[in-house]
Structures are given as C-alpha cells and as structure tokens.
Protein backbone atom coordinates (compact mmCIF):
# COMPACT_ATOMS: atom_id res chain seq x y z
CA MET A 1 4.04 -2.03 25.32
CA LYS A 2 5.03 -5.54 24.32
CA PRO A 3 4.86 -6.17 20.55
CA ALA A 4 2.89 -9.40 21.03
CA ALA A 5 0.18 -7.56 22.97
CA ALA A 6 -0.07 -4.91 20.25
CA GLU A 7 -0.33 -7.53 17.49
CA ALA A 8 -3.10 -9.34 19.37
CA ALA A 9 -5.02 -6.10 19.94
CA LEU A 10 -4.76 -5.14 16.25
CA ARG A 11 -5.86 -8.61 15.13
CA ALA A 12 -8.88 -8.53 17.46
CA ALA A 13 -9.86 -5.08 16.15
CA ARG A 14 -9.53 -6.26 12.57
CA GLU A 15 -11.66 -9.34 13.16
CA SER A 16 -14.37 -7.41 15.02
CA GLN A 17 -14.14 -4.33 12.77
CA GLY A 18 -13.56 -2.32 15.89
CA HIS A 19 -11.05 0.43 16.44
CA LEU A 20 -8.30 1.36 18.87
CA ALA A 21 -6.71 4.48 20.26
CA PRO A 22 -3.17 4.87 18.87
CA PHE A 23 -0.67 2.98 21.01
CA THR A 24 1.52 6.08 21.08
CA ASP A 25 -1.17 7.99 22.99
CA THR A 26 -0.22 6.05 26.10
CA HIS A 27 3.26 4.87 25.06
CA PRO A 28 4.84 7.95 23.41
CA HIS A 29 8.33 6.45 23.31
CA LEU A 30 7.46 3.65 20.88
CA ASP A 31 9.61 3.86 17.75
CA GLU A 32 9.95 2.70 14.15
CA ALA A 33 11.75 -0.53 15.08
CA TRP A 34 8.93 -1.43 17.48
CA GLY A 35 6.35 -0.85 14.75
CA TYR A 36 8.12 -3.13 12.29
CA THR A 37 8.49 -5.78 15.01
CA VAL A 38 4.72 -5.80 15.54
CA GLN A 39 4.22 -5.93 11.76
CA GLY A 40 6.51 -8.96 11.60
CA LEU A 41 4.39 -10.75 14.22
CA ASP A 42 1.27 -9.94 12.20
CA ARG A 43 2.88 -11.38 9.06
CA ALA A 44 3.92 -14.54 10.90
CA HIS A 45 0.40 -15.06 12.24
CA ARG A 46 -1.14 -14.62 8.79
CA LEU A 47 1.30 -17.11 7.29
CA ALA A 48 0.52 -19.61 10.04
CA SER A 49 -3.17 -19.15 9.21
CA GLY A 50 -2.58 -20.13 5.57
CA GLU A 51 -2.10 -16.78 3.84
CA ARG A 52 0.78 -16.23 1.41
CA VAL A 53 2.84 -13.07 1.07
CA VAL A 54 2.56 -11.99 -2.57
CA GLY A 55 4.19 -8.59 -2.44
CA ALA A 56 4.93 -5.37 -0.62
CA LYS A 57 3.54 -1.86 -0.51
CA LEU A 58 4.97 1.55 0.05
CA GLY A 59 2.86 4.05 1.92
CA LEU A 60 3.06 7.80 2.43
CA THR A 61 5.26 8.30 -0.63
CA SER A 62 3.48 11.49 -1.70
CA THR A 63 3.40 14.88 -0.02
CA ALA A 64 -0.41 14.76 -0.09
CA LYS A 65 -0.49 11.53 1.91
CA GLN A 66 2.24 12.58 4.35
CA THR A 67 0.41 15.82 5.06
CA ARG A 68 -2.95 14.10 5.42
CA MET A 69 -1.61 11.47 7.84
CA ASN A 70 0.93 13.67 9.62
CA VAL A 71 3.72 11.13 9.07
CA ALA A 72 6.75 12.62 7.35
CA GLN A 73 8.39 9.56 5.80
CA PRO A 74 7.48 6.61 3.56
CA VAL A 75 6.53 3.33 5.19
CA VAL A 76 6.62 -0.30 4.04
CA GLY A 77 4.02 -3.02 4.53
CA PHE A 78 3.30 -6.46 3.11
CA LEU A 79 0.57 -7.84 0.85
CA THR A 80 -0.98 -11.31 1.06
CA ASP A 81 -3.13 -13.33 -1.30
CA ALA A 82 -6.12 -12.83 1.02
CA MET A 83 -5.92 -9.07 0.38
CA GLN A 84 -5.95 -9.36 -3.42
CA VAL A 85 -9.19 -8.65 -5.27
CA HIS A 86 -9.23 -9.69 -8.92
CA PRO A 87 -10.83 -7.25 -11.38
CA GLY A 88 -13.95 -8.33 -13.20
CA ARG A 89 -15.24 -10.55 -10.40
CA GLY A 90 -18.12 -8.41 -9.20
CA ALA A 91 -18.32 -5.55 -6.74
CA LEU A 92 -15.88 -5.10 -3.89
CA ASP A 93 -17.24 -6.71 -0.74
CA HIS A 94 -17.53 -3.65 1.44
CA ARG A 95 -18.37 -5.85 4.45
CA ARG A 96 -14.76 -7.06 4.62
CA TRP A 97 -13.63 -3.72 6.00
CA ALA A 98 -14.67 -1.27 8.71
CA ARG A 99 -13.73 2.19 7.39
CA PRO A 100 -12.32 1.54 3.91
CA ARG A 101 -10.82 4.15 1.62
CA ILE A 102 -9.49 3.69 -1.89
CA GLU A 103 -6.48 5.28 -3.57
CA PRO A 104 -4.78 5.07 -7.00
CA GLU A 105 -1.47 3.26 -7.23
CA ILE A 106 1.20 2.24 -9.72
CA ALA A 107 2.00 -1.47 -9.35
CA PHE A 108 5.31 -3.04 -10.32
CA ILE A 109 5.75 -6.78 -10.89
CA THR A 110 9.32 -7.69 -10.04
CA ALA A 111 11.63 -9.53 -12.43
CA THR A 112 14.29 -10.31 -9.82
CA ASP A 113 14.56 -10.87 -6.09
CA LEU A 114 14.89 -7.70 -4.01
CA ALA A 115 17.41 -8.17 -1.24
CA GLU A 116 20.01 -5.42 -1.60
CA PRO A 117 19.89 -1.66 -2.21
CA LEU A 118 19.24 -0.58 -5.80
CA ASP A 119 19.76 2.65 -7.68
CA LEU A 120 17.24 3.91 -10.26
CA ASP A 121 18.83 2.08 -13.18
CA ARG A 122 18.94 -1.23 -11.32
CA ALA A 123 15.39 -0.65 -10.08
CA HIS A 124 14.24 -0.35 -13.70
CA ALA A 125 16.03 -3.61 -14.53
CA ALA A 126 14.25 -5.26 -11.60
CA VAL A 127 10.79 -4.54 -13.11
CA GLU A 128 9.06 -7.19 -15.20
CA SER A 129 5.94 -5.11 -15.84
CA VAL A 130 3.91 -2.17 -14.54
CA ALA A 131 0.16 -1.70 -14.12
CA VAL A 132 -2.52 0.67 -12.93
CA ALA A 133 -3.71 -0.46 -9.51
CA ALA A 134 -5.93 0.46 -6.57
CA GLU A 135 -5.36 -0.07 -2.88
CA VAL A 136 -8.04 -0.29 -0.22
CA ILE A 137 -6.79 0.98 3.13
CA ASP A 138 -8.57 0.42 6.44
CA SER A 139 -6.97 1.62 9.66
CA ARG A 140 -7.53 -0.02 13.01
CA PHE A 141 -7.18 3.44 14.54
CA ALA A 142 -10.27 5.66 14.74
CA ASP A 143 -10.40 8.44 12.13
CA PHE A 144 -7.09 7.23 10.64
CA ARG A 145 -5.31 9.01 13.48
CA PHE A 146 -1.90 7.52 14.20
CA ARG A 147 1.82 8.17 14.47
CA LEU A 148 4.62 6.33 12.71
CA PRO A 149 4.96 3.36 15.11
CA ASP A 150 1.17 2.83 15.10
CA VAL A 151 0.77 2.71 11.32
CA LEU A 152 3.77 0.41 10.93
CA ALA A 153 2.33 -1.98 13.52
CA ASP A 154 -0.97 -1.91 11.61
CA ASN A 155 0.82 -2.99 8.41
CA THR A 156 0.47 0.52 6.97
CA SER A 157 -3.36 0.20 6.91
CA ALA A 158 -3.17 -2.44 4.14
CA ALA A 159 -6.55 -4.09 3.54
CA GLY A 160 -7.04 -4.90 -0.15
CA PHE A 161 -5.58 -4.30 -3.60
CA VAL A 162 -6.49 -4.68 -7.25
CA VAL A 163 -4.00 -4.80 -10.13
CA GLY A 164 -4.94 -4.08 -13.74
CA PRO A 165 -3.44 -5.62 -16.89
CA PRO A 166 0.40 -5.56 -16.88
CA ARG A 167 2.31 -3.41 -19.36
CA HIS A 168 5.96 -3.53 -20.37
CA LEU A 169 8.00 -0.62 -19.02
CA ASP A 170 10.00 0.71 -21.99
CA ASP A 171 10.79 4.22 -20.76
CA PRO A 172 10.79 4.45 -16.95
CA ASP A 173 11.01 8.26 -17.03
CA ALA A 174 7.59 8.36 -18.73
CA LEU A 175 6.13 7.38 -15.35
CA VAL A 176 7.11 10.77 -13.91
CA GLY A 177 4.69 12.70 -16.13
CA LEU A 178 2.00 10.03 -16.09
CA ASP A 179 -1.38 11.74 -15.63
CA CYS A 180 -3.61 10.05 -13.04
CA HIS A 181 -7.33 10.73 -12.59
CA LEU A 182 -9.43 9.19 -9.82
CA GLU A 183 -13.13 9.35 -10.64
CA VAL A 184 -16.08 8.57 -8.39
CA ASP A 185 -19.35 8.04 -10.27
CA ASP A 186 -17.84 9.64 -13.42
CA ARG A 187 -16.67 12.76 -11.57
CA ILE A 188 -12.97 13.50 -11.20
CA VAL A 189 -12.21 13.89 -7.49
CA GLN A 190 -8.41 13.58 -7.44
CA ARG A 191 -5.62 14.27 -9.95
CA ALA A 192 -1.87 13.84 -9.84
CA THR A 193 1.13 12.88 -11.93
CA GLY A 194 3.62 10.09 -11.34
CA ALA A 195 6.03 12.64 -9.90
CA ALA A 196 3.84 12.68 -6.77
CA ILE A 197 5.55 9.42 -5.76
CA LEU A 198 8.93 10.58 -4.43
CA GLY A 199 9.57 12.58 -7.61
CA HIS A 200 9.83 9.33 -9.62
CA PRO A 201 7.77 6.15 -9.02
CA LEU A 202 10.85 3.94 -9.34
CA ARG A 203 12.23 5.61 -6.22
CA ALA A 204 9.59 3.64 -4.31
CA LEU A 205 11.30 0.46 -5.51
CA VAL A 206 14.65 1.91 -4.44
CA ARG A 207 13.25 2.65 -0.96
CA LEU A 208 11.80 -0.86 -0.76
CA SER A 209 15.12 -2.46 -1.73
CA GLU A 210 16.86 -0.46 1.01
CA HIS A 211 14.25 -1.59 3.52
CA MET A 212 14.65 -5.25 2.52
CA ALA A 213 18.42 -4.95 2.93
CA ARG A 214 18.06 -3.41 6.41
CA GLN A 215 15.65 -6.16 7.43
CA GLY A 216 17.85 -8.91 5.99
CA ALA A 217 14.82 -10.07 4.00
CA ILE A 218 14.13 -11.06 0.40
CA LEU A 219 11.15 -10.14 -1.76
CA PRO A 220 11.10 -12.81 -4.49
CA ALA A 221 10.79 -12.24 -8.22
CA GLY A 222 7.19 -12.15 -9.40
CA SER A 223 6.02 -10.12 -6.42
CA VAL A 224 3.60 -7.19 -6.60
CA VAL A 225 4.93 -3.86 -5.36
CA LEU A 226 2.51 -0.98 -4.83
CA ALA A 227 4.53 2.20 -5.17
CA GLY A 228 2.31 4.33 -2.94
CA ALA A 229 -0.79 6.43 -3.44
CA LEU A 230 -0.56 9.18 -6.03
CA THR A 231 -3.36 11.14 -4.34
CA ASP A 232 -5.19 11.31 -1.05
CA ALA A 233 -7.58 8.40 -0.46
CA VAL A 234 -11.35 8.74 -0.80
CA PRO A 235 -14.03 6.83 1.15
CA LEU A 236 -15.20 3.56 -0.39
CA THR A 237 -18.99 3.99 -0.46
CA PRO A 238 -21.40 1.14 -1.29
CA GLY A 239 -23.11 1.68 -4.64
CA SER A 240 -20.43 3.94 -6.10
CA ARG A 241 -18.12 3.24 -9.05
CA TYR A 242 -14.43 4.14 -8.88
CA THR A 243 -12.34 4.58 -12.02
CA ILE A 244 -8.61 5.18 -12.11
CA ARG A 245 -7.18 6.42 -15.42
CA MET A 246 -3.42 6.47 -16.02
CA GLY A 247 -2.87 7.29 -19.68
CA PRO A 248 -0.70 4.61 -21.33
CA LEU A 249 -1.14 2.26 -18.36
CA GLY A 250 -4.88 2.16 -19.08
CA GLU A 251 -7.70 2.31 -16.60
CA LEU A 252 -9.24 0.30 -13.80
CA SER A 253 -12.92 0.48 -12.75
CA LEU A 254 -14.30 -0.95 -9.53
CA ASP A 255 -17.79 -1.07 -8.04
CA ALA A 256 -18.31 -0.87 -4.30
C-alpha cells in the first residue's frame, strides 16, 4: 500500500470521525519504516495546514500498554499546537474526537535540541523541567486494534494533551518511585509508579534521542516530550472528572 494513500485514508477518517480496518489486515508485510513514512506525510500535511510541531510523544513504554495493544516495543509520534489543551480553560471538548481515552503521563520540557543519542546522564541534562500531564488518544482503527505499522502511521493515536505546571528536576532517580494515581469521579481506577516507563522515565528521552538520530531529525529546545502512559488508558466519558496525582509533581484535574 502506498504511503500517500494510507495518509489520505487516515486523514479522511480523522475528519469524519470514522474508523478503518488495520492496513496490515490486507497488507501483512508492511513494516516499521513504512509506518514512519506515513507519519511523516501526516506531519507535512498538518504543517502545510498551519499547525506547528511543539513536541514529541513516546507510546507503549509500559508493559501494561504493550500488553493491552499487543505491540511489543515503544513507538514515537509528534505533537502539534492544535493538539494541546490548556488547563483551566473549561471542559475538554469531547466532540473533537471519536473514541477518546485518557492516560497519565510525565512530561519533560527540553533544555537543549535533541538530535543525537543520549545516555541517562545526558538525558537529565537535556531536561529544563518536568510536569504531570495527560494524553488523549483516539485511534483511527476500530476498537484500538492495530499492529506496529498501523499505529505508527496513525501517529501513535495522538489526539490531545494537557501539561500541568512545570517543576525543576533536582533528582531524576526520584521519578522511578513516583506514585501515580488516576482517578475518575474521585475513585482511583489506575495506579503505577514511574518505573512503569521503561524502568526509568528518562529512558523515554533516551529512546527519543535515538529515534531522532536515526531519522536525521532535530527536536528543538523548549519542546514538550510525553514519556509514555504510566497505566492503561481509560475511556473519556462526557460529564466525568479525571484527576491525575503524581506526588511531588502535583496533580492535574480535567472535566470531560
């Protein structure tokens, strides 16, 4: 399947809030490189339409998410200004999405450009600040059923994101034991620690730096990086309130 045809089909599904069968159902030999090629076409179209890339996201960085989605490796997508929802500006507009789900994230704001592979120490030095965050995911594939090339082509299901107040990262290892609670209408529905993200949340930044190097791309300083969901996602239901608590990083509450 030609990448341009896949990008057009995904864009049409997104605009109509429709859904598709996974491309790999009929084209089982599609691969990771094909998925990122389609994602690149999607990014180019969004930029041509006036959107700005403001960051990147890691997906499937926890065992819970990999098991749930049946994809056994982390993935990388991009974030644009049109996806960002600013806290305190009313309820999330549920009508923007077809089958939205919400998940707790750790967000990094970068202090330097990311263009070459980093180790953990250099990843820490590349962080300006860290914050509690939420990501809204919305797959173009029915029932969130996809394989690796499909989810990459669909920009890793990225749909929206919210970032809380930034905090300075003094001790990066404190992120490993960070206790995360996801509450829906004051009831805890998901719990995890920062170790759920590749054993250490900064490893998400390491993975992203390696990806940028392979792609020959640069993520500029000041970008938002979502490190990946700490827990499985939960449906975003109109009328409900979602609260993410992350100890020293604070909390973030959103109404749907």
